[in-house]
Amino acid sequence: MQNDILSQTASRRRFLGVAAATAVAGSLSQLAFADTNRSITEVAQSTGGDKTAIRSLRVHVPESQLSDLKRRIKATRWPEQEPVTDASQGVQLATMQNLARYWATDYDWRKVEARLNALPQFVTEIDGLDIHFIHLRSKRTDALPIIITHGWPGSIIEQLKIIDPLSNPTAHGATASDAFDVVIASLPGYGFSGKPTTTGWDPVRIARAWVILMKRLGYTRYVAQGGDWGNAVTEQMALLAPPELLGIHTNMPATVPDDIAQALKLGEPAPAGLWADEKRAFDQLDYFYRHGLGYALEMQNRPQTLYGIEDSPVGLAAWMLDHDTSSQALIARVFNGQSEGLTRDDILDNVTLYWLTNTGISSARLYWENKLNFFAPKHVAIPVAVSVFPDEIYAAPQSWTAKAYPKLIHYNRLPKGGHFAAWEQPQAFSEEVRVSFRSLR
């Protein structure tokens, strides 16, 4: 999945050079997910039981859970084949059966588990909730710290391929001065972060937690990056305007003008006089609102109803695959044996993480919590860099982007890539991040 990275031991020693040495002291004990009775991580307890201290984390899934997963996959009760020849009714039966066949027989969770455990992973309590994050310091003492946030149906798995290119740029054809200290946090209710037991964990609250996290790590200057929910959180960080935050980068910007949004809401034709890239963006959004928004509406309104995705691994996988048309088509090609930016293991690493942590519904609640208009400009006043990948839900035109971000320091349209850009096109994505922040170093 990624190039060799610095060893966890060496990275942790560098981390301890800045953070308190007591942060990872103590013996390892199991951290149980109380609502699932599954213990799949070990966390070093801090001296004195200080939950706000930074504690190291290691992943180990009991073999019994992996066996149960395979048993459930093999016991799937399948529907009949769709009566259409395309994916207009949803994820096609052939795709899901190809996925299930590989998942139950050839897929090996232990490989990604080893990759995760080779990284320096930590948890710390912020605002009453455990937040999990990867924190890899570059060998360069002048590295620029960056906090990167995933979205749904993503996770930290999305960003594993960009950790080494960003922290160790010379190994990937870039210059040493482009190095980053990389922080990748799991959203509340996702992956190894805690699951909120009270309401209120929306993008604004998460942004506040991320500001606290970066301050707790000792950073006095940093940048932030995100797509999907990661963009919502990153933009809210910018609106909070902590003095340490120099600028942000997004691969899923919020740029839709009011007149465009109104036409889409009313189902009207595109306004007259749009440029070609604006008309294409309008058409992409129109298609998404008409045909691709079903998953988001269900999670926004009734996330608790999705019991099936907590009980059936194939049900969970189908729900996660049906995010956007381009990504679903790419994944279908992957499980049909074609070579793409993602592999079968990439896709199943992410789905399996959701399954093992039982976070199908807890992650969905973020849609219920959110009160922001997702694609509306938020009037971000600090420097912003934007990378546009053609198969994103919509490819933001430069004209809309410049109006949405008055301090636009970088805009580029990439030739290939979609919603999971860092995952699918890690080399291009990493170079975009490097170029975006050079002027802020």
Protein backbone atom coordinates (compact mmCIF):
# COMPACT_ATOMS: atom_id res chain seq x y z
CA MET A 1 0.00 0.00 0.00
CA GLN A 2 2.84 2.42 0.65
CA ASN A 3 6.58 2.76 0.59
CA ASP A 4 8.65 1.85 3.60
CA ILE A 5 8.24 4.33 6.43
CA LEU A 6 10.32 5.18 9.44
CA SER A 7 10.01 2.58 12.14
CA GLN A 8 7.47 3.10 14.88
CA THR A 9 10.14 2.96 17.56
CA ALA A 10 12.34 5.62 15.99
CA SER A 11 9.35 7.84 15.29
CA ARG A 12 8.10 7.53 18.84
CA ARG A 13 11.50 8.56 20.18
CA ARG A 14 11.38 11.70 18.06
CA PHE A 15 7.84 12.31 19.30
CA LEU A 16 8.99 12.01 22.89
CA GLY A 17 11.59 14.66 22.22
CA VAL A 18 8.74 17.19 22.05
CA ALA A 19 5.88 15.66 24.00
CA ALA A 20 6.11 14.64 27.61
CA ALA A 21 7.99 11.39 28.10
CA THR A 22 5.28 10.22 30.43
CA ALA A 23 2.74 10.26 27.62
CA VAL A 24 3.42 6.69 26.60
CA ALA A 25 4.62 5.31 29.91
CA GLY A 26 2.92 2.42 31.62
CA SER A 27 1.87 -1.07 30.74
CA LEU A 28 -0.39 -1.95 27.82
CA SER A 29 -4.02 -2.71 28.51
CA GLN A 30 -6.99 -3.51 26.33
CA LEU A 31 -9.21 -0.66 25.19
CA ALA A 32 -12.68 -2.15 24.78
CA PHE A 33 -15.44 -0.77 22.59
CA ALA A 34 -18.18 -1.11 25.18
CA ASP A 35 -21.03 -1.14 22.68
CA THR A 36 -19.60 -4.02 20.64
CA ASN A 37 -17.69 -6.02 23.29
CA ARG A 38 -14.75 -6.07 20.87
CA SER A 39 -11.25 -5.39 22.07
CA ILE A 40 -9.03 -4.76 19.08
CA THR A 41 -6.58 -2.11 20.27
CA GLU A 42 -4.05 -1.76 23.04
CA VAL A 43 -3.35 1.62 24.56
CA ALA A 44 -0.45 2.53 26.83
CA GLN A 45 -1.84 4.09 29.97
CA SER A 46 -0.31 7.43 30.91
CA THR A 47 1.31 8.01 34.27
CA GLY A 48 -1.30 9.13 36.77
CA GLY A 49 -4.18 8.13 34.52
CA ASP A 50 -4.26 11.47 32.67
CA LYS A 51 -6.57 10.77 29.71
CA THR A 52 -5.58 14.03 28.01
CA ALA A 53 -2.01 12.77 27.80
CA ILE A 54 -0.92 11.29 24.49
CA ARG A 55 -0.97 7.49 24.70
CA SER A 56 0.43 5.09 22.13
CA LEU A 57 -1.92 2.67 20.38
CA ARG A 58 -1.40 -0.70 18.75
CA VAL A 59 -3.95 -2.68 16.74
CA HIS A 60 -4.55 -6.38 17.16
CA VAL A 61 -7.77 -8.04 16.05
CA PRO A 62 -8.53 -11.39 17.69
CA GLU A 63 -8.54 -14.23 15.19
CA SER A 64 -12.07 -15.13 16.32
CA GLN A 65 -13.37 -11.84 14.90
CA LEU A 66 -11.71 -12.43 11.54
CA SER A 67 -13.16 -15.95 11.42
CA ASP A 68 -16.61 -14.57 12.27
CA LEU A 69 -16.27 -12.01 9.46
CA LYS A 70 -15.53 -14.72 6.88
CA ARG A 71 -18.38 -16.86 8.17
CA ARG A 72 -20.82 -13.97 7.79
CA ILE A 73 -19.60 -13.18 4.28
CA LYS A 74 -20.07 -16.78 3.18
CA ALA A 75 -23.55 -16.87 4.74
CA THR A 76 -24.77 -13.81 2.81
CA ARG A 77 -28.32 -14.13 1.53
CA TRP A 78 -28.15 -12.65 -1.94
CA PRO A 79 -30.90 -10.80 -3.80
CA GLU A 80 -31.76 -11.60 -7.39
CA GLN A 81 -29.72 -9.95 -10.12
CA GLU A 82 -30.77 -6.43 -11.05
CA PRO A 83 -33.08 -6.31 -14.10
CA VAL A 84 -30.98 -3.61 -15.80
CA THR A 85 -27.59 -3.85 -17.50
CA ASP A 86 -25.95 -0.95 -15.69
CA ALA A 87 -25.57 0.38 -12.13
CA SER A 88 -28.63 2.64 -12.30
CA GLN A 89 -30.33 0.58 -9.56
CA GLY A 90 -27.24 0.55 -7.35
CA VAL A 91 -24.16 -1.59 -6.85
CA GLN A 92 -24.50 -4.55 -9.19
CA LEU A 93 -24.77 -8.11 -7.96
CA ALA A 94 -21.71 -9.25 -9.91
CA THR A 95 -19.55 -6.60 -8.26
CA MET A 96 -20.65 -7.59 -4.78
CA GLN A 97 -20.25 -11.30 -5.41
CA ASN A 98 -16.74 -10.76 -6.79
CA LEU A 99 -15.93 -8.65 -3.74
CA ALA A 100 -17.37 -11.21 -1.31
CA ARG A 101 -15.56 -14.10 -2.96
CA TYR A 102 -12.18 -12.38 -2.58
CA TRP A 103 -12.97 -11.06 0.91
CA ALA A 104 -13.89 -14.50 2.24
CA THR A 105 -11.03 -16.43 0.66
CA ASP A 106 -7.94 -14.39 -0.28
CA TYR A 107 -8.07 -11.13 1.66
CA ASP A 108 -5.62 -10.82 4.58
CA TRP A 109 -6.39 -8.19 7.25
CA ARG A 110 -3.09 -8.89 8.98
CA LYS A 111 -1.21 -7.12 6.19
CA VAL A 112 -2.86 -3.76 6.79
CA GLU A 113 -2.76 -4.35 10.54
CA ALA A 114 1.04 -4.66 10.26
CA ARG A 115 1.21 -1.46 8.22
CA LEU A 116 -0.82 0.39 10.82
CA ASN A 117 1.34 -0.92 13.64
CA ALA A 118 4.49 0.18 11.79
CA LEU A 119 3.19 3.73 12.14
CA PRO A 120 3.27 5.81 15.33
CA GLN A 121 -0.37 5.80 16.45
CA PHE A 122 -1.81 7.52 19.49
CA VAL A 123 -4.98 8.44 21.32
CA THR A 124 -5.71 11.43 23.49
CA GLU A 125 -8.93 12.59 25.12
CA ILE A 126 -10.28 15.88 23.78
CA ASP A 127 -13.59 17.34 24.94
CA GLY A 128 -14.40 14.08 26.72
CA LEU A 129 -13.76 11.80 23.72
CA ASP A 130 -10.77 9.66 22.76
CA ILE A 131 -9.31 10.82 19.45
CA HIS A 132 -7.08 8.45 17.51
CA PHE A 133 -4.37 9.78 15.24
CA ILE A 134 -1.23 8.86 13.34
CA HIS A 135 1.69 11.20 13.98
CA LEU A 136 4.84 10.79 11.93
CA ARG A 137 7.58 13.39 12.31
CA SER A 138 9.89 13.93 9.38
CA LYS A 139 13.64 13.60 9.82
CA ARG A 140 13.80 17.23 8.73
CA THR A 141 13.77 19.60 11.69
CA ASP A 142 12.27 22.34 9.51
CA ALA A 143 9.36 20.16 8.32
CA LEU A 144 6.00 21.88 8.10
CA PRO A 145 3.34 20.21 10.28
CA ILE A 146 0.11 19.23 8.52
CA ILE A 147 -3.10 17.74 9.87
CA ILE A 148 -5.07 15.72 7.31
CA THR A 149 -8.72 14.74 7.71
CA HIS A 150 -10.58 11.97 5.88
CA GLY A 151 -14.26 11.76 5.04
CA TRP A 152 -17.04 9.17 4.60
CA PRO A 153 -16.91 6.38 3.51
CA GLY A 154 -13.21 6.83 4.07
CA SER A 155 -10.88 6.53 7.03
CA ILE A 156 -7.20 6.86 7.83
CA ILE A 157 -6.73 4.06 5.28
CA GLU A 158 -7.28 6.71 2.58
CA GLN A 159 -4.13 8.59 3.53
CA LEU A 160 -1.65 5.79 4.24
CA LYS A 161 -0.08 6.08 0.79
CA ILE A 162 0.79 9.76 1.19
CA ILE A 163 2.50 9.60 4.60
CA ASP A 164 5.94 8.70 3.32
CA PRO A 165 5.86 10.98 0.25
CA LEU A 166 5.02 13.93 2.49
CA SER A 167 7.34 13.16 5.41
CA ASN A 168 10.22 11.80 3.32
CA PRO A 169 10.00 13.73 0.02
CA THR A 170 13.52 13.03 -1.25
CA ALA A 171 12.64 9.33 -1.51
CA HIS A 172 9.87 10.30 -3.93
CA GLY A 173 11.66 12.72 -6.24
CA ALA A 174 10.88 15.91 -4.33
CA THR A 175 13.19 18.26 -2.45
CA ALA A 176 14.06 17.98 1.23
CA SER A 177 12.58 21.41 1.92
CA ASP A 178 9.12 20.03 1.02
CA ALA A 179 9.01 17.79 4.11
CA PHE A 180 6.00 17.63 6.42
CA ASP A 181 5.34 16.33 9.90
CA VAL A 182 2.16 14.36 9.22
CA VAL A 183 -0.84 14.11 11.55
CA ILE A 184 -3.84 12.06 10.36
CA ALA A 185 -6.76 11.94 12.78
CA SER A 186 -9.76 9.60 12.82
CA LEU A 187 -13.04 11.48 12.96
CA PRO A 188 -15.18 10.90 16.07
CA GLY A 189 -17.21 7.74 15.55
CA TYR A 190 -14.80 6.49 12.89
CA GLY A 191 -12.06 3.88 13.11
CA PHE A 192 -10.22 3.84 16.42
CA SER A 193 -11.55 7.17 17.72
CA GLY A 194 -14.20 7.09 20.41
CA LYS A 195 -17.90 7.02 19.59
CA PRO A 196 -19.82 10.03 20.89
CA THR A 197 -22.52 9.08 23.38
CA THR A 198 -24.07 12.55 23.31
CA THR A 199 -25.06 14.79 20.42
CA GLY A 200 -23.09 17.77 19.21
CA TRP A 201 -20.06 16.32 17.43
CA ASP A 202 -20.47 18.26 14.20
CA PRO A 203 -17.71 19.62 11.91
CA VAL A 204 -17.40 22.80 14.00
CA ARG A 205 -16.78 20.86 17.22
CA ILE A 206 -14.37 18.52 15.46
CA ALA A 207 -12.46 21.52 14.11
CA ARG A 208 -12.08 22.84 17.65
CA ALA A 209 -10.78 19.43 18.74
CA TRP A 210 -8.23 19.39 15.91
CA VAL A 211 -6.95 22.84 16.96
CA ILE A 212 -6.52 21.49 20.50
CA LEU A 213 -4.77 18.40 19.15
CA MET A 214 -2.20 20.39 17.19
CA LYS A 215 -1.54 22.62 20.18
CA ARG A 216 -1.20 19.55 22.40
CA LEU A 217 1.43 18.20 20.00
CA GLY A 218 3.40 21.38 20.55
CA TYR A 219 3.02 22.94 17.11
CA THR A 220 3.17 26.72 16.86
CA ARG A 221 2.60 26.78 13.09
CA TYR A 222 0.91 24.25 10.81
CA VAL A 223 -1.34 23.76 7.79
CA ALA A 224 -4.43 21.60 7.29
CA GLN A 225 -5.84 19.45 4.49
CA GLY A 226 -9.10 17.67 3.83
CA GLY A 227 -11.67 16.39 1.37
CA ASP A 228 -15.30 15.36 1.90
CA TRP A 229 -16.00 15.75 5.64
CA GLY A 230 -12.30 16.52 5.89
CA ASN A 231 -12.94 19.67 3.88
CA ALA A 232 -15.84 20.67 6.13
CA VAL A 233 -13.66 20.24 9.22
CA THR A 234 -10.65 21.95 7.64
CA GLU A 235 -12.68 24.96 6.53
CA GLN A 236 -14.14 25.28 10.01
CA MET A 237 -10.61 25.26 11.41
CA ALA A 238 -9.85 28.15 9.06
CA LEU A 239 -12.93 30.01 10.27
CA LEU A 240 -11.83 29.54 13.88
CA ALA A 241 -8.61 31.22 12.71
CA PRO A 242 -6.15 29.95 15.32
CA PRO A 243 -2.96 31.99 14.85
CA GLU A 244 -0.94 28.80 14.34
CA LEU A 245 -2.92 27.78 11.21
CA LEU A 246 -1.14 29.23 8.17
CA GLY A 247 -3.41 27.94 5.42
CA ILE A 248 -5.47 25.03 4.14
CA HIS A 249 -5.60 22.72 1.11
CA THR A 250 -8.70 20.96 -0.13
CA ASN A 251 -9.48 18.48 -2.89
CA MET A 252 -13.25 18.93 -2.46
CA PRO A 253 -13.83 22.67 -2.13
CA ALA A 254 -17.13 24.35 -1.21
CA THR A 255 -17.60 26.85 -4.04
CA VAL A 256 -21.17 26.63 -5.41
CA PRO A 257 -22.59 30.15 -5.98
CA ASP A 258 -26.06 31.01 -4.66
CA ASP A 259 -27.72 31.19 -8.09
CA ILE A 260 -26.35 27.79 -9.05
CA ALA A 261 -27.45 26.29 -5.72
CA GLN A 262 -30.96 27.75 -6.14
CA ALA A 263 -31.35 26.35 -9.65
CA LEU A 264 -30.23 22.92 -8.46
CA LYS A 265 -32.59 23.03 -5.50
CA LEU A 266 -35.58 23.86 -7.70
CA GLY A 267 -34.62 21.40 -10.44
CA GLU A 268 -34.27 24.22 -12.96
CA PRO A 269 -31.94 24.31 -15.99
CA ALA A 270 -28.48 25.78 -15.64
CA PRO A 271 -28.41 29.60 -15.68
CA ALA A 272 -27.53 31.14 -19.02
CA GLY A 273 -24.02 32.30 -19.77
CA LEU A 274 -22.04 29.65 -17.89
CA TRP A 275 -18.54 28.86 -19.12
CA ALA A 276 -17.84 25.30 -20.21
CA ASP A 277 -16.26 24.19 -16.92
CA GLU A 278 -19.08 25.86 -14.97
CA LYS A 279 -21.71 24.07 -17.06
CA ARG A 280 -19.93 20.75 -16.52
CA ALA A 281 -19.84 21.36 -12.75
CA PHE A 282 -23.56 22.22 -12.81
CA ASP A 283 -24.33 19.01 -14.70
CA GLN A 284 -22.25 16.94 -12.26
CA LEU A 285 -24.07 18.43 -9.28
CA ASP A 286 -27.46 18.06 -10.95
CA TYR A 287 -26.79 14.37 -11.54
CA PHE A 288 -25.55 13.87 -7.98
CA TYR A 289 -28.59 15.55 -6.43
CA ARG A 290 -30.99 13.58 -8.64
CA HIS A 291 -29.36 10.16 -8.57
CA GLY A 292 -26.51 9.98 -6.04
CA LEU A 293 -27.67 11.62 -2.83
CA GLY A 294 -29.77 8.79 -1.39
CA TYR A 295 -27.14 7.51 1.04
CA ALA A 296 -26.54 10.99 2.46
CA LEU A 297 -30.25 11.70 2.92
CA GLU A 298 -30.78 8.46 4.85
CA MET A 299 -27.80 9.11 7.13
CA GLN A 300 -28.80 12.74 7.57
CA ASN A 301 -32.32 11.85 8.63
CA ARG A 302 -32.34 8.30 10.05
CA PRO A 303 -28.81 6.97 10.71
CA GLN A 304 -29.92 4.67 13.51
CA THR A 305 -32.16 2.76 11.10
CA LEU A 306 -29.14 1.30 9.28
CA TYR A 307 -28.92 -1.83 11.45
CA GLY A 308 -28.28 -3.99 8.41
CA ILE A 309 -24.82 -2.53 7.81
CA GLU A 310 -23.81 -3.43 11.35
CA ASP A 311 -25.00 -7.02 10.96
CA SER A 312 -23.97 -7.89 7.41
CA PRO A 313 -20.44 -7.25 6.14
CA VAL A 314 -21.61 -7.48 2.53
CA GLY A 315 -24.42 -5.05 3.33
CA LEU A 316 -21.88 -2.65 4.83
CA ALA A 317 -19.58 -2.96 1.81
CA ALA A 318 -22.41 -2.29 -0.66
CA TRP A 319 -23.53 0.76 1.33
CA MET A 320 -19.99 2.15 1.33
CA LEU A 321 -19.38 1.45 -2.37
CA ASP A 322 -22.53 3.30 -3.42
CA HIS A 323 -21.06 6.75 -2.71
CA ASP A 324 -20.58 8.33 -6.11
CA THR A 325 -20.91 7.06 -9.65
CA SER A 326 -17.27 7.39 -10.69
CA SER A 327 -15.85 5.71 -7.59
CA GLN A 328 -18.39 2.90 -7.77
CA ALA A 329 -17.53 2.29 -11.43
CA LEU A 330 -13.81 2.24 -10.63
CA ILE A 331 -14.31 -0.24 -7.78
CA ALA A 332 -16.47 -2.45 -9.99
CA ARG A 333 -13.66 -2.54 -12.55
CA VAL A 334 -11.16 -3.45 -9.82
CA PHE A 335 -13.21 -6.45 -8.71
CA ASN A 336 -13.64 -7.42 -12.33
CA GLY A 337 -9.87 -7.85 -12.58
CA GLN A 338 -8.82 -4.53 -14.11
CA SER A 339 -5.84 -2.48 -12.88
CA GLU A 340 -6.78 0.86 -11.36
CA GLY A 341 -5.42 3.35 -8.85
CA LEU A 342 -7.04 1.27 -6.11
CA THR A 343 -6.60 -2.45 -5.53
CA ARG A 344 -9.00 -5.01 -4.10
CA ASP A 345 -6.98 -4.97 -0.88
CA ASP A 346 -7.16 -1.16 -0.69
CA ILE A 347 -10.93 -1.24 -0.84
CA LEU A 348 -11.32 -4.10 1.62
CA ASP A 349 -8.80 -2.63 4.06
CA ASN A 350 -11.15 0.32 4.45
CA VAL A 351 -14.39 -1.68 4.60
CA THR A 352 -12.87 -4.17 7.05
CA LEU A 353 -11.77 -1.35 9.34
CA TYR A 354 -15.37 -0.14 9.49
CA TRP A 355 -16.59 -3.69 10.15
CA LEU A 356 -14.11 -4.54 12.89
CA THR A 357 -14.65 -1.25 14.73
CA ASN A 358 -18.43 -1.49 14.25
CA THR A 359 -18.59 2.10 13.04
CA GLY A 360 -21.15 1.89 10.24
CA ILE A 361 -23.80 3.74 12.22
CA SER A 362 -21.57 5.83 14.49
CA SER A 363 -19.86 7.28 11.40
CA ALA A 364 -23.21 7.89 9.70
CA ARG A 365 -24.34 10.13 12.56
CA LEU A 366 -22.00 12.88 11.36
CA TYR A 367 -24.52 13.50 8.57
CA TRP A 368 -27.26 13.89 11.18
CA GLU A 369 -25.12 16.21 13.27
CA ASN A 370 -24.07 18.49 10.43
CA LYS A 371 -25.97 21.76 10.00
CA LEU A 372 -23.70 23.26 7.33
CA ASN A 373 -24.59 23.68 3.67
CA PHE A 374 -21.93 21.34 2.33
CA PHE A 375 -21.04 23.00 -0.99
CA ALA A 376 -21.82 26.63 -0.10
CA PRO A 377 -18.83 29.01 0.26
CA LYS A 378 -17.93 29.59 3.91
CA HIS A 379 -16.00 32.86 3.47
CA VAL A 380 -12.65 31.48 4.49
CA ALA A 381 -10.26 34.39 4.95
CA ILE A 382 -6.89 32.64 5.31
CA PRO A 383 -4.80 31.27 2.39
CA VAL A 384 -6.44 28.36 0.55
CA ALA A 385 -5.06 25.93 -2.03
CA VAL A 386 -7.38 23.85 -4.23
CA SER A 387 -6.69 20.73 -6.28
CA VAL A 388 -9.49 19.65 -8.61
CA PHE A 389 -9.74 16.01 -9.65
CA PRO A 390 -12.01 15.41 -12.66
CA ASP A 391 -14.09 12.55 -11.24
CA GLU A 392 -14.92 14.25 -7.95
CA ILE A 393 -18.64 14.75 -7.22
CA TYR A 394 -18.15 18.07 -8.99
CA ALA A 395 -15.01 19.60 -10.48
CA ALA A 396 -14.97 23.10 -9.03
CA PRO A 397 -14.35 25.73 -11.73
CA GLN A 398 -11.60 28.26 -11.11
CA SER A 399 -14.10 31.13 -11.42
CA TRP A 400 -16.24 29.77 -8.56
CA THR A 401 -13.16 28.87 -6.53
CA ALA A 402 -11.61 32.33 -6.76
CA LYS A 403 -14.84 33.92 -5.51
CA ALA A 404 -15.20 31.40 -2.66
CA TYR A 405 -11.61 31.83 -1.45
CA PRO A 406 -10.34 35.43 -1.70
CA LYS A 407 -6.84 34.34 -0.67
CA LEU A 408 -6.50 31.54 -3.21
CA ILE A 409 -2.79 30.66 -3.38
CA HIS A 410 -3.00 27.62 -5.65
CA TYR A 411 -5.52 26.15 -8.09
CA ASN A 412 -4.87 23.18 -10.34
CA ARG A 413 -6.98 20.78 -12.37
CA LEU A 414 -5.54 17.28 -12.42
CA PRO A 415 -5.90 14.92 -15.41
CA LYS A 416 -7.00 11.89 -13.42
CA GLY A 417 -8.52 10.99 -10.07
CA GLY A 418 -11.77 11.12 -8.17
CA HIS A 419 -13.29 11.40 -4.74
CA PHE A 420 -10.58 9.36 -2.97
CA ALA A 421 -7.72 11.32 -4.54
CA ALA A 422 -5.00 10.68 -1.94
CA TRP A 423 -5.81 6.97 -2.02
CA GLU A 424 -6.20 6.61 -5.78
CA GLN A 425 -3.54 9.07 -7.03
CA PRO A 426 -1.07 9.41 -4.13
CA GLN A 427 1.86 10.69 -6.17
CA ALA A 428 -0.11 13.49 -7.83
CA PHE A 429 -1.90 14.29 -4.58
CA SER A 430 1.35 14.52 -2.61
CA GLU A 431 2.87 16.85 -5.19
CA GLU A 432 -0.22 19.05 -5.04
CA VAL A 433 0.15 19.36 -1.27
CA ARG A 434 3.85 20.20 -1.61
CA VAL A 435 3.28 22.88 -4.23
CA SER A 436 0.29 24.31 -2.39
CA PHE A 437 2.16 25.17 0.79
CA ARG A 438 5.60 26.21 -0.50
CA SER A 439 4.74 29.88 -0.23
CA LEU A 440 3.71 29.47 3.44
CA ARG A 441 6.87 27.81 4.73
